[in-house]
Amino acid sequence: MLWPRGVKKTTLADAVWAKDVAPSTELRKWFSHDPKKWVEFQHRYKAEIEEHEVAVMPILQAARHGSVTLLYSSHDTEHNNAVVLRDYLERKPRSDRESKRGKSAA
């Protein structure tokens, strides 16, 4: 689930910020919410996610137990990091998720 801007902080009392999963400052500044850079942003951000793949595991584990809500601050509901992260998580093969989880627990 993606929540756009305007959500009150009190609603997010149980929210967890996975900083290592967020796009780097450099990438965010380069992208600057320019839809013309969207395709390249997706490629670059997915590469960053893969560099911090262990940080994604808690999100995948939470998704196994229910809904996960990804928050973003962009006004653009179609071109933002939460869309890329959602797509990445949905495409992650379940067998790969399980094997990575086992490795990180060792």
PDB file of N, CA and C in Angstrom:
ATOM      1  N   MET A   1       0.848  -1.169   0.000  1.00  0.00           N
ATOM      2  CA  MET A   1       0.000   0.000   0.000  1.00  0.00           C
ATOM      3  C   MET A   1       0.895   1.233   0.000  1.00  0.00           C
ATOM      4  N   LEU A   2       0.570   2.207  -0.818  1.00  0.00           N
ATOM      5  CA  LEU A   2       1.304   3.464  -0.868  1.00  0.00           C
ATOM      6  C   LEU A   2       0.421   4.565  -0.312  1.00  0.00           C
ATOM      7  N   TRP A   3       0.960   5.346   0.604  1.00  0.00           N
ATOM      8  CA  TRP A   3       0.219   6.496   1.142  1.00  0.00           C
ATOM      9  C   TRP A   3       0.854   7.765   0.643  1.00  0.00           C
ATOM     10  N   PRO A   4       0.074   8.637   0.021  1.00  0.00           N
ATOM     11  CA  PRO A   4       0.631   9.909  -0.453  1.00  0.00           C
ATOM     12  C   PRO A   4       0.764  10.920   0.674  1.00  0.00           C
ATOM     13  N   ARG A   5       1.175  12.099   0.318  1.00  0.00           N
ATOM     14  CA  ARG A   5       1.352  13.204   1.259  1.00  0.00           C
ATOM     15  C   ARG A   5       0.065  13.480   2.017  1.00  0.00           C
ATOM     16  N   GLY A   6       0.209  14.159   3.137  1.00  0.00           N
ATOM     17  CA  GLY A   6      -0.959  14.587   3.891  1.00  0.00           C
ATOM     18  C   GLY A   6      -1.334  13.666   5.033  1.00  0.00           C
ATOM     19  N   VAL A   7      -0.570  12.624   5.278  1.00  0.00           N
ATOM     20  CA  VAL A   7      -0.851  11.716   6.381  1.00  0.00           C
ATOM     21  C   VAL A   7      -0.316  12.356   7.660  1.00  0.00           C
ATOM     22  N   LYS A   8      -1.135  12.374   8.700  1.00  0.00           N
ATOM     23  CA  LYS A   8      -0.719  12.972   9.961  1.00  0.00           C
ATOM     24  C   LYS A   8       0.309  12.089  10.661  1.00  0.00           C
ATOM     25  N   LYS A   9       1.282  12.726  11.309  1.00  0.00           N
ATOM     26  CA  LYS A   9       2.328  11.981  12.008  1.00  0.00           C
ATOM     27  C   LYS A   9       1.754  11.079  13.093  1.00  0.00           C
ATOM     28  N   THR A  10       0.667  11.470  13.722  1.00  0.00           N
ATOM     29  CA  THR A  10       0.063  10.634  14.765  1.00  0.00           C
ATOM     30  C   THR A  10      -0.430   9.310  14.199  1.00  0.00           C
ATOM     31  N   THR A  11      -0.782   9.303  12.928  1.00  0.00           N
ATOM     32  CA  THR A  11      -1.218   8.079  12.260  1.00  0.00           C
ATOM     33  C   THR A  11      -0.036   7.119  12.070  1.00  0.00           C
ATOM     34  N   LEU A  12       1.173   7.661  12.091  1.00  0.00           N
ATOM     35  CA  LEU A  12       2.374   6.888  11.787  1.00  0.00           C
ATOM     36  C   LEU A  12       3.161   6.493  13.041  1.00  0.00           C
ATOM     37  N   ALA A  13       2.495   6.421  14.165  1.00  0.00           N
ATOM     38  CA  ALA A  13       3.190   6.146  15.430  1.00  0.00           C
ATOM     39  C   ALA A  13       4.007   4.854  15.380  1.00  0.00           C
ATOM     40  N   ASP A  14       3.540   3.856  14.659  1.00  0.00           N
ATOM     41  CA  ASP A  14       4.241   2.568  14.594  1.00  0.00           C
ATOM     42  C   ASP A  14       5.134   2.435  13.364  1.00  0.00           C
ATOM     43  N   ALA A  15       5.318   3.510  12.644  1.00  0.00           N
ATOM     44  CA  ALA A  15       6.107   3.460  11.407  1.00  0.00           C
ATOM     45  C   ALA A  15       7.583   3.226  11.707  1.00  0.00           C
ATOM     46  N   VAL A  16       8.231   2.515  10.801  1.00  0.00           N
ATOM     47  CA  VAL A  16       9.666   2.250  10.892  1.00  0.00           C
ATOM     48  C   VAL A  16      10.312   2.844   9.652  1.00  0.00           C
ATOM     49  N   TRP A  17      11.356   3.626   9.859  1.00  0.00           N
ATOM     50  CA  TRP A  17      12.063   4.219   8.731  1.00  0.00           C
ATOM     51  C   TRP A  17      13.260   3.340   8.418  1.00  0.00           C
ATOM     52  N   ALA A  18      13.232   2.707   7.275  1.00  0.00           N
ATOM     53  CA  ALA A  18      14.332   1.856   6.828  1.00  0.00           C
ATOM     54  C   ALA A  18      15.270   2.721   5.991  1.00  0.00           C
ATOM     55  N   LYS A  19      16.106   3.490   6.661  1.00  0.00           N
ATOM     56  CA  LYS A  19      16.968   4.460   5.996  1.00  0.00           C
ATOM     57  C   LYS A  19      17.848   3.836   4.912  1.00  0.00           C
ATOM     58  N   ASP A  20      18.352   2.636   5.155  1.00  0.00           N
ATOM     59  CA  ASP A  20      19.225   1.984   4.176  1.00  0.00           C
ATOM     60  C   ASP A  20      18.490   1.539   2.917  1.00  0.00           C
ATOM     61  N   VAL A  21      17.175   1.578   2.945  1.00  0.00           N
ATOM     62  CA  VAL A  21      16.384   1.196   1.779  1.00  0.00           C
ATOM     63  C   VAL A  21      15.994   2.437   0.967  1.00  0.00           C
ATOM     64  N   ALA A  22      16.067   3.595   1.570  1.00  0.00           N
ATOM     65  CA  ALA A  22      15.721   4.838   0.876  1.00  0.00           C
ATOM     66  C   ALA A  22      16.781   5.175  -0.169  1.00  0.00           C
ATOM     67  N   PRO A  23      16.405   5.913  -1.204  1.00  0.00           N
ATOM     68  CA  PRO A  23      17.416   6.319  -2.193  1.00  0.00           C
ATOM     69  C   PRO A  23      18.449   7.244  -1.549  1.00  0.00           C
ATOM     70  N   SER A  24      19.657   7.172  -2.032  1.00  0.00           N
ATOM     71  CA  SER A  24      20.725   8.017  -1.505  1.00  0.00           C
ATOM     72  C   SER A  24      20.412   9.485  -1.784  1.00  0.00           C
ATOM     73  N   THR A  25      21.011  10.340  -0.985  1.00  0.00           N
ATOM     74  CA  THR A  25      20.843  11.783  -1.183  1.00  0.00           C
ATOM     75  C   THR A  25      21.268  12.177  -2.590  1.00  0.00           C
ATOM     76  N   GLU A  26      22.374  11.624  -3.054  1.00  0.00           N
ATOM     77  CA  GLU A  26      22.864  11.944  -4.390  1.00  0.00           C
ATOM     78  C   GLU A  26      21.847  11.562  -5.462  1.00  0.00           C
ATOM     79  N   LEU A  27      21.262  10.379  -5.319  1.00  0.00           N
ATOM     80  CA  LEU A  27      20.289   9.924  -6.316  1.00  0.00           C
ATOM     81  C   LEU A  27      19.030  10.779  -6.266  1.00  0.00           C
ATOM     82  N   ARG A  28      18.552  11.090  -5.070  1.00  0.00           N
ATOM     83  CA  ARG A  28      17.360  11.937  -4.954  1.00  0.00           C
ATOM     84  C   ARG A  28      17.597  13.308  -5.586  1.00  0.00           C
ATOM     85  N   LYS A  29      18.771  13.885  -5.318  1.00  0.00           N
ATOM     86  CA  LYS A  29      19.075  15.201  -5.892  1.00  0.00           C
ATOM     87  C   LYS A  29      19.190  15.121  -7.412  1.00  0.00           C
ATOM     88  N   TRP A  30      19.816  14.072  -7.922  1.00  0.00           N
ATOM     89  CA  TRP A  30      19.948  13.904  -9.369  1.00  0.00           C
ATOM     90  C   TRP A  30      18.564  13.776 -10.015  1.00  0.00           C
ATOM     91  N   PHE A  31      17.710  12.947  -9.435  1.00  0.00           N
ATOM     92  CA  PHE A  31      16.377  12.705  -9.998  1.00  0.00           C
ATOM     93  C   PHE A  31      15.530  13.971  -9.951  1.00  0.00           C
ATOM     94  N   SER A  32      15.524  14.635  -8.828  1.00  0.00           N
ATOM     95  CA  SER A  32      14.791  15.901  -8.653  1.00  0.00           C
ATOM     96  C   SER A  32      13.342  15.811  -9.148  1.00  0.00           C
ATOM     97  N   HIS A  33      12.756  14.627  -9.025  1.00  0.00           N
ATOM     98  CA  HIS A  33      11.360  14.378  -9.418  1.00  0.00           C
ATOM     99  C   HIS A  33      11.073  14.769 -10.866  1.00  0.00           C
ATOM    100  N   ASP A  34      12.065  14.552 -11.716  1.00  0.00           N
ATOM    101  CA  ASP A  34      11.924  14.851 -13.141  1.00  0.00           C
ATOM    102  C   ASP A  34      11.462  13.587 -13.867  1.00  0.00           C
ATOM    103  N   PRO A  35      10.211  13.560 -14.326  1.00  0.00           N
ATOM    104  CA  PRO A  35       9.701  12.361 -15.009  1.00  0.00           C
ATOM    105  C   PRO A  35      10.546  11.917 -16.201  1.00  0.00           C
ATOM    106  N   LYS A  36      11.302  12.840 -16.802  1.00  0.00           N
ATOM    107  CA  LYS A  36      12.161  12.475 -17.928  1.00  0.00           C
ATOM    108  C   LYS A  36      13.302  11.560 -17.475  1.00  0.00           C
ATOM    109  N   LYS A  37      13.630  11.607 -16.186  1.00  0.00           N
ATOM    110  CA  LYS A  37      14.706  10.776 -15.634  1.00  0.00           C
ATOM    111  C   LYS A  37      14.169   9.506 -14.969  1.00  0.00           C
ATOM    112  N   TRP A  38      12.870   9.265 -15.068  1.00  0.00           N
ATOM    113  CA  TRP A  38      12.225   8.174 -14.341  1.00  0.00           C
ATOM    114  C   TRP A  38      12.823   6.796 -14.635  1.00  0.00           C
ATOM    115  N   VAL A  39      12.984   6.462 -15.890  1.00  0.00           N
ATOM    116  CA  VAL A  39      13.501   5.128 -16.244  1.00  0.00           C
ATOM    117  C   VAL A  39      14.892   4.932 -15.651  1.00  0.00           C
ATOM    118  N   GLU A  40      15.758   5.914 -15.797  1.00  0.00           N
ATOM    119  CA  GLU A  40      17.117   5.807 -15.249  1.00  0.00           C
ATOM    120  C   GLU A  40      17.097   5.800 -13.722  1.00  0.00           C
ATOM    121  N   PHE A  41      16.211   6.593 -13.128  1.00  0.00           N
ATOM    122  CA  PHE A  41      16.080   6.594 -11.667  1.00  0.00           C
ATOM    123  C   PHE A  41      15.732   5.197 -11.163  1.00  0.00           C
ATOM    124  N   GLN A  42      14.801   4.538 -11.833  1.00  0.00           N
ATOM    125  CA  GLN A  42      14.411   3.184 -11.436  1.00  0.00           C
ATOM    126  C   GLN A  42      15.612   2.234 -11.459  1.00  0.00           C
ATOM    127  N   HIS A  43      16.402   2.296 -12.501  1.00  0.00           N
ATOM    128  CA  HIS A  43      17.577   1.426 -12.616  1.00  0.00           C
ATOM    129  C   HIS A  43      18.582   1.719 -11.503  1.00  0.00           C
ATOM    130  N   ARG A  44      18.848   2.986 -11.294  1.00  0.00           N
ATOM    131  CA  ARG A  44      19.836   3.373 -10.276  1.00  0.00           C
ATOM    132  C   ARG A  44      19.352   3.030  -8.867  1.00  0.00           C
ATOM    133  N   TYR A  45      18.075   3.288  -8.614  1.00  0.00           N
ATOM    134  CA  TYR A  45      17.545   3.008  -7.275  1.00  0.00           C
ATOM    135  C   TYR A  45      17.509   1.504  -6.999  1.00  0.00           C
ATOM    136  N   LYS A  46      17.122   0.709  -7.974  1.00  0.00           N
ATOM    137  CA  LYS A  46      17.131  -0.746  -7.792  1.00  0.00           C
ATOM    138  C   LYS A  46      18.544  -1.243  -7.501  1.00  0.00           C
ATOM    139  N   ALA A  47      19.534  -0.655  -8.153  1.00  0.00           N
ATOM    140  CA  ALA A  47      20.926  -1.029  -7.880  1.00  0.00           C
ATOM    141  C   ALA A  47      21.292  -0.687  -6.437  1.00  0.00           C
ATOM    142  N   GLU A  48      20.847   0.468  -5.952  1.00  0.00           N
ATOM    143  CA  GLU A  48      21.110   0.831  -4.560  1.00  0.00           C
ATOM    144  C   GLU A  48      20.407  -0.114  -3.598  1.00  0.00           C
ATOM    145  N   ILE A  49      19.184  -0.484  -3.922  1.00  0.00           N
ATOM    146  CA  ILE A  49      18.453  -1.429  -3.066  1.00  0.00           C
ATOM    147  C   ILE A  49      19.221  -2.744  -2.979  1.00  0.00           C
ATOM    148  N   GLU A  50      19.712  -3.221  -4.097  1.00  0.00           N
ATOM    149  CA  GLU A  50      20.441  -4.485  -4.107  1.00  0.00           C
ATOM    150  C   GLU A  50      21.729  -4.400  -3.297  1.00  0.00           C
ATOM    151  N   GLU A  51      22.335  -3.213  -3.235  1.00  0.00           N
ATOM    152  CA  GLU A  51      23.524  -3.029  -2.403  1.00  0.00           C
ATOM    153  C   GLU A  51      23.186  -3.155  -0.915  1.00  0.00           C
ATOM    154  N   HIS A  52      21.955  -2.843  -0.554  1.00  0.00           N
ATOM    155  CA  HIS A  52      21.502  -2.893   0.844  1.00  0.00           C
ATOM    156  C   HIS A  52      20.400  -3.938   1.010  1.00  0.00           C
ATOM    157  N   GLU A  53      20.553  -5.043   0.308  1.00  0.00           N
ATOM    158  CA  GLU A  53      19.506  -6.061   0.265  1.00  0.00           C
ATOM    159  C   GLU A  53      19.115  -6.597   1.641  1.00  0.00           C
ATOM    160  N   VAL A  54      20.063  -6.679   2.549  1.00  0.00           N
ATOM    161  CA  VAL A  54      19.753  -7.168   3.893  1.00  0.00           C
ATOM    162  C   VAL A  54      18.758  -6.233   4.580  1.00  0.00           C
ATOM    163  N   ALA A  55      18.835  -4.939   4.296  1.00  0.00           N
ATOM    164  CA  ALA A  55      17.920  -3.966   4.899  1.00  0.00           C
ATOM    165  C   ALA A  55      16.486  -4.151   4.407  1.00  0.00           C
ATOM    166  N   VAL A  56      16.311  -4.789   3.268  1.00  0.00           N
ATOM    167  CA  VAL A  56      14.981  -5.024   2.708  1.00  0.00           C
ATOM    168  C   VAL A  56      14.298  -6.205   3.392  1.00  0.00           C
ATOM    169  N   MET A  57      15.063  -7.097   3.974  1.00  0.00           N
ATOM    170  CA  MET A  57      14.505  -8.318   4.561  1.00  0.00           C
ATOM    171  C   MET A  57      13.405  -8.064   5.601  1.00  0.00           C
ATOM    172  N   PRO A  58      13.556  -7.113   6.516  1.00  0.00           N
ATOM    173  CA  PRO A  58      12.458  -6.881   7.473  1.00  0.00           C
ATOM    174  C   PRO A  58      11.148  -6.468   6.794  1.00  0.00           C
ATOM    175  N   ILE A  59      11.248  -5.761   5.689  1.00  0.00           N
ATOM    176  CA  ILE A  59      10.039  -5.368   4.958  1.00  0.00           C
ATOM    177  C   ILE A  59       9.385  -6.601   4.351  1.00  0.00           C
ATOM    178  N   LEU A  60      10.197  -7.467   3.758  1.00  0.00           N
ATOM    179  CA  LEU A  60       9.666  -8.703   3.171  1.00  0.00           C
ATOM    180  C   LEU A  60       9.050  -9.597   4.245  1.00  0.00           C
ATOM    181  N   GLN A  61       9.700  -9.684   5.401  1.00  0.00           N
ATOM    182  CA  GLN A  61       9.164 -10.498   6.497  1.00  0.00           C
ATOM    183  C   GLN A  61       7.833  -9.942   6.995  1.00  0.00           C
ATOM    184  N   ALA A  62       7.740  -8.626   7.126  1.00  0.00           N
ATOM    185  CA  ALA A  62       6.493  -7.995   7.557  1.00  0.00           C
ATOM    186  C   ALA A  62       5.382  -8.250   6.545  1.00  0.00           C
ATOM    187  N   ALA A  63       5.727  -8.231   5.274  1.00  0.00           N
ATOM    188  CA  ALA A  63       4.736  -8.457   4.223  1.00  0.00           C
ATOM    189  C   ALA A  63       4.160  -9.868   4.287  1.00  0.00           C
ATOM    190  N   ARG A  64       4.940 -10.811   4.791  1.00  0.00           N
ATOM    191  CA  ARG A  64       4.449 -12.187   4.926  1.00  0.00           C
ATOM    192  C   ARG A  64       3.354 -12.284   5.989  1.00  0.00           C
ATOM    193  N   HIS A  65       3.334 -11.330   6.913  1.00  0.00           N
ATOM    194  CA  HIS A  65       2.382 -11.367   8.031  1.00  0.00           C
ATOM    195  C   HIS A  65       1.225 -10.398   7.856  1.00  0.00           C
ATOM    196  N   GLY A  66       1.223  -9.642   6.785  1.00  0.00           N
ATOM    197  CA  GLY A  66       0.136  -8.694   6.548  1.00  0.00           C
ATOM    198  C   GLY A  66       0.557  -7.615   5.577  1.00  0.00           C
ATOM    199  N   SER A  67      -0.196  -6.555   5.569  1.00  0.00           N
ATOM    200  CA  SER A  67       0.078  -5.449   4.658  1.00  0.00           C
ATOM    201  C   SER A  67       1.261  -4.626   5.123  1.00  0.00           C
ATOM    202  N   VAL A  68       2.002  -4.113   4.167  1.00  0.00           N
ATOM    203  CA  VAL A  68       3.108  -3.197   4.423  1.00  0.00           C
ATOM    204  C   VAL A  68       2.758  -1.900   3.707  1.00  0.00           C
ATOM    205  N   THR A  69       2.924  -0.798   4.393  1.00  0.00           N
ATOM    206  CA  THR A  69       2.636   0.506   3.814  1.00  0.00           C
ATOM    207  C   THR A  69       3.947   1.228   3.555  1.00  0.00           C
ATOM    208  N   LEU A  70       4.152   1.644   2.332  1.00  0.00           N
ATOM    209  CA  LEU A  70       5.337   2.396   1.952  1.00  0.00           C
ATOM    210  C   LEU A  70       4.945   3.862   1.843  1.00  0.00           C
ATOM    211  N   LEU A  71       5.666   4.708   2.541  1.00  0.00           N
ATOM    212  CA  LEU A  71       5.365   6.140   2.549  1.00  0.00           C
ATOM    213  C   LEU A  71       6.337   6.899   1.655  1.00  0.00           C
ATOM    214  N   TYR A  72       5.871   7.991   1.116  1.00  0.00           N
ATOM    215  CA  TYR A  72       6.729   8.848   0.304  1.00  0.00           C
ATOM    216  C   TYR A  72       6.255  10.283   0.467  1.00  0.00           C
ATOM    217  N   SER A  73       7.125  11.225   0.170  1.00  0.00           N
ATOM    218  CA  SER A  73       6.762  12.631   0.353  1.00  0.00           C
ATOM    219  C   SER A  73       6.574  13.383  -0.962  1.00  0.00           C
ATOM    220  N   SER A  74       6.770  12.729  -2.056  1.00  0.00           N
ATOM    221  CA  SER A  74       6.642  13.375  -3.365  1.00  0.00           C
ATOM    222  C   SER A  74       5.177  13.712  -3.661  1.00  0.00           C
ATOM    223  N   HIS A  75       4.975  14.779  -4.391  1.00  0.00           N
ATOM    224  CA  HIS A  75       3.631  15.124  -4.870  1.00  0.00           C
ATOM    225  C   HIS A  75       3.236  14.211  -6.030  1.00  0.00           C
ATOM    226  N   ASP A  76       4.224  13.643  -6.691  1.00  0.00           N
ATOM    227  CA  ASP A  76       4.010  12.800  -7.863  1.00  0.00           C
ATOM    228  C   ASP A  76       3.737  11.371  -7.408  1.00  0.00           C
ATOM    229  N   THR A  77       2.523  10.907  -7.616  1.00  0.00           N
ATOM    230  CA  THR A  77       2.140   9.571  -7.152  1.00  0.00           C
ATOM    231  C   THR A  77       2.638   8.438  -8.044  1.00  0.00           C
ATOM    232  N   GLU A  78       3.126   8.770  -9.236  1.00  0.00           N
ATOM    233  CA  GLU A  78       3.578   7.744 -10.176  1.00  0.00           C
ATOM    234  C   GLU A  78       5.089   7.643 -10.294  1.00  0.00           C
ATOM    235  N   HIS A  79       5.806   8.697  -9.961  1.00  0.00           N
ATOM    236  CA  HIS A  79       7.263   8.738 -10.132  1.00  0.00           C
ATOM    237  C   HIS A  79       7.929   9.039  -8.799  1.00  0.00           C
ATOM    238  N   ASN A  80       7.982   8.049  -7.929  1.00  0.00           N
ATOM    239  CA  ASN A  80       8.619   8.244  -6.627  1.00  0.00           C
ATOM    240  C   ASN A  80       9.260   6.939  -6.164  1.00  0.00           C
ATOM    241  N   ASN A  81      10.106   7.043  -5.143  1.00  0.00           N
ATOM    242  CA  ASN A  81      10.858   5.879  -4.694  1.00  0.00           C
ATOM    243  C   ASN A  81       9.978   4.752  -4.159  1.00  0.00           C
ATOM    244  N   ALA A  82       8.838   5.072  -3.573  1.00  0.00           N
ATOM    245  CA  ALA A  82       7.962   4.022  -3.038  1.00  0.00           C
ATOM    246  C   ALA A  82       7.432   3.128  -4.155  1.00  0.00           C
ATOM    247  N   VAL A  83       7.166   3.694  -5.307  1.00  0.00           N
ATOM    248  CA  VAL A  83       6.703   2.905  -6.454  1.00  0.00           C
ATOM    249  C   VAL A  83       7.786   1.921  -6.878  1.00  0.00           C
ATOM    250  N   VAL A  84       9.022   2.388  -6.935  1.00  0.00           N
ATOM    251  CA  VAL A  84      10.144   1.532  -7.327  1.00  0.00           C
ATOM    252  C   VAL A  84      10.350   0.429  -6.290  1.00  0.00           C
ATOM    253  N   LEU A  85      10.322   0.797  -5.017  1.00  0.00           N
ATOM    254  CA  LEU A  85      10.516  -0.188  -3.953  1.00  0.00           C
ATOM    255  C   LEU A  85       9.392  -1.223  -3.956  1.00  0.00           C
ATOM    256  N   ARG A  86       8.159  -0.791  -4.114  1.00  0.00           N
ATOM    257  CA  ARG A  86       7.029  -1.727  -4.185  1.00  0.00           C
ATOM    258  C   ARG A  86       7.225  -2.722  -5.316  1.00  0.00           C
ATOM    259  N   ASP A  87       7.569  -2.213  -6.500  1.00  0.00           N
ATOM    260  CA  ASP A  87       7.775  -3.091  -7.655  1.00  0.00           C
ATOM    261  C   ASP A  87       8.924  -4.066  -7.408  1.00  0.00           C
ATOM    262  N   TYR A  88       9.991  -3.577  -6.787  1.00  0.00           N
ATOM    263  CA  TYR A  88      11.130  -4.431  -6.474  1.00  0.00           C
ATOM    264  C   TYR A  88      10.703  -5.552  -5.524  1.00  0.00           C
ATOM    265  N   LEU A  89       9.972  -5.199  -4.475  1.00  0.00           N
ATOM    266  CA  LEU A  89       9.534  -6.185  -3.480  1.00  0.00           C
ATOM    267  C   LEU A  89       8.582  -7.210  -4.092  1.00  0.00           C
ATOM    268  N   GLU A  90       7.694  -6.755  -4.943  1.00  0.00           N
ATOM    269  CA  GLU A  90       6.735  -7.669  -5.572  1.00  0.00           C
ATOM    270  C   GLU A  90       7.404  -8.632  -6.544  1.00  0.00           C
ATOM    271  N   ARG A  91       8.515  -8.233  -7.136  1.00  0.00           N
ATOM    272  CA  ARG A  91       9.206  -9.084  -8.106  1.00  0.00           C
ATOM    273  C   ARG A  91      10.238 -10.004  -7.462  1.00  0.00           C
ATOM    274  N   LYS A  92      10.511  -9.787  -6.204  1.00  0.00           N
ATOM    275  CA  LYS A  92      11.518 -10.584  -5.500  1.00  0.00           C
ATOM    276  C   LYS A  92      11.005 -12.020  -5.387  1.00  0.00           C
ATOM    277  N   PRO A  93      11.687 -12.974  -5.996  1.00  0.00           N
ATOM    278  CA  PRO A  93      11.228 -14.365  -5.917  1.00  0.00           C
ATOM    279  C   PRO A  93      11.179 -14.846  -4.463  1.00  0.00           C
ATOM    280  N   ARG A  94      10.126 -15.544  -4.117  1.00  0.00           N
ATOM    281  CA  ARG A  94       9.962 -16.019  -2.738  1.00  0.00           C
ATOM    282  C   ARG A  94      11.137 -16.896  -2.304  1.00  0.00           C
ATOM    283  N   SER A  95      11.628 -17.756  -3.177  1.00  0.00           N
ATOM    284  CA  SER A  95      12.745 -18.630  -2.813  1.00  0.00           C
ATOM    285  C   SER A  95      13.994 -17.814  -2.494  1.00  0.00           C
ATOM    286  N   ASP A  96      14.204 -16.731  -3.233  1.00  0.00           N
ATOM    287  CA  ASP A  96      15.346 -15.860  -2.982  1.00  0.00           C
ATOM    288  C   ASP A  96      15.182 -15.167  -1.639  1.00  0.00           C
ATOM    289  N   ARG A  97      13.958 -14.750  -1.323  1.00  0.00           N
ATOM    290  CA  ARG A  97      13.686 -14.096  -0.036  1.00  0.00           C
ATOM    291  C   ARG A  97      14.043 -15.038   1.111  1.00  0.00           C
ATOM    292  N   GLU A  98      13.629 -16.277   0.980  1.00  0.00           N
ATOM    293  CA  GLU A  98      13.858 -17.255   2.045  1.00  0.00           C
ATOM    294  C   GLU A  98      15.347 -17.546   2.200  1.00  0.00           C
ATOM    295  N   SER A  99      16.077 -17.709   1.093  1.00  0.00           N
ATOM    296  CA  SER A  99      17.487 -18.038   1.199  1.00  0.00           C
ATOM    297  C   SER A  99      18.281 -16.870   1.768  1.00  0.00           C
ATOM    298  N   LYS A 100      17.939 -15.653   1.401  1.00  0.00           N
ATOM    299  CA  LYS A 100      18.636 -14.472   1.934  1.00  0.00           C
ATOM    300  C   LYS A 100      18.357 -14.339   3.436  1.00  0.00           C
ATOM    301  N   ARG A 101      17.124 -14.606   3.837  1.00  0.00           N
ATOM    302  CA  ARG A 101      16.763 -14.497   5.248  1.00  0.00           C
ATOM    303  C   ARG A 101      17.574 -15.493   6.054  1.00  0.00           C
ATOM    304  N   GLY A 102      17.716 -16.685   5.539  1.00  0.00           N
ATOM    305  CA  GLY A 102      18.494 -17.701   6.237  1.00  0.00           C
ATOM    306  C   GLY A 102      19.941 -17.311   6.380  1.00  0.00           C
ATOM    307  N   LYS A 103      20.526 -16.701   5.350  1.00  0.00           N
ATOM    308  CA  LYS A 103      21.919 -16.261   5.398  1.00  0.00           C
ATOM    309  C   LYS A 103      22.117 -15.137   6.396  1.00  0.00           C
ATOM    310  N   SER A 104      21.164 -14.178   6.445  1.00  0.00           N
ATOM    311  CA  SER A 104      21.325 -13.038   7.340  1.00  0.00           C
ATOM    312  C   SER A 104      21.135 -13.451   8.797  1.00  0.00           C
ATOM    313  N   ALA A 105      20.430 -14.538   9.053  1.00  0.00           N
ATOM    314  CA  ALA A 105      20.205 -14.985  10.423  1.00  0.00           C
ATOM    315  C   ALA A 105      21.403 -15.759  10.961  1.00  0.00           C
ATOM    316  N   ALA A 106      22.281 -16.213  10.077  1.00  0.00           N
ATOM    317  CA  ALA A 106      23.427 -17.023  10.508  1.00  0.00           C
ATOM    318  C   ALA A 106      24.495 -16.196  11.189  1.00  0.00           C
TER     319      ALA A 106
END
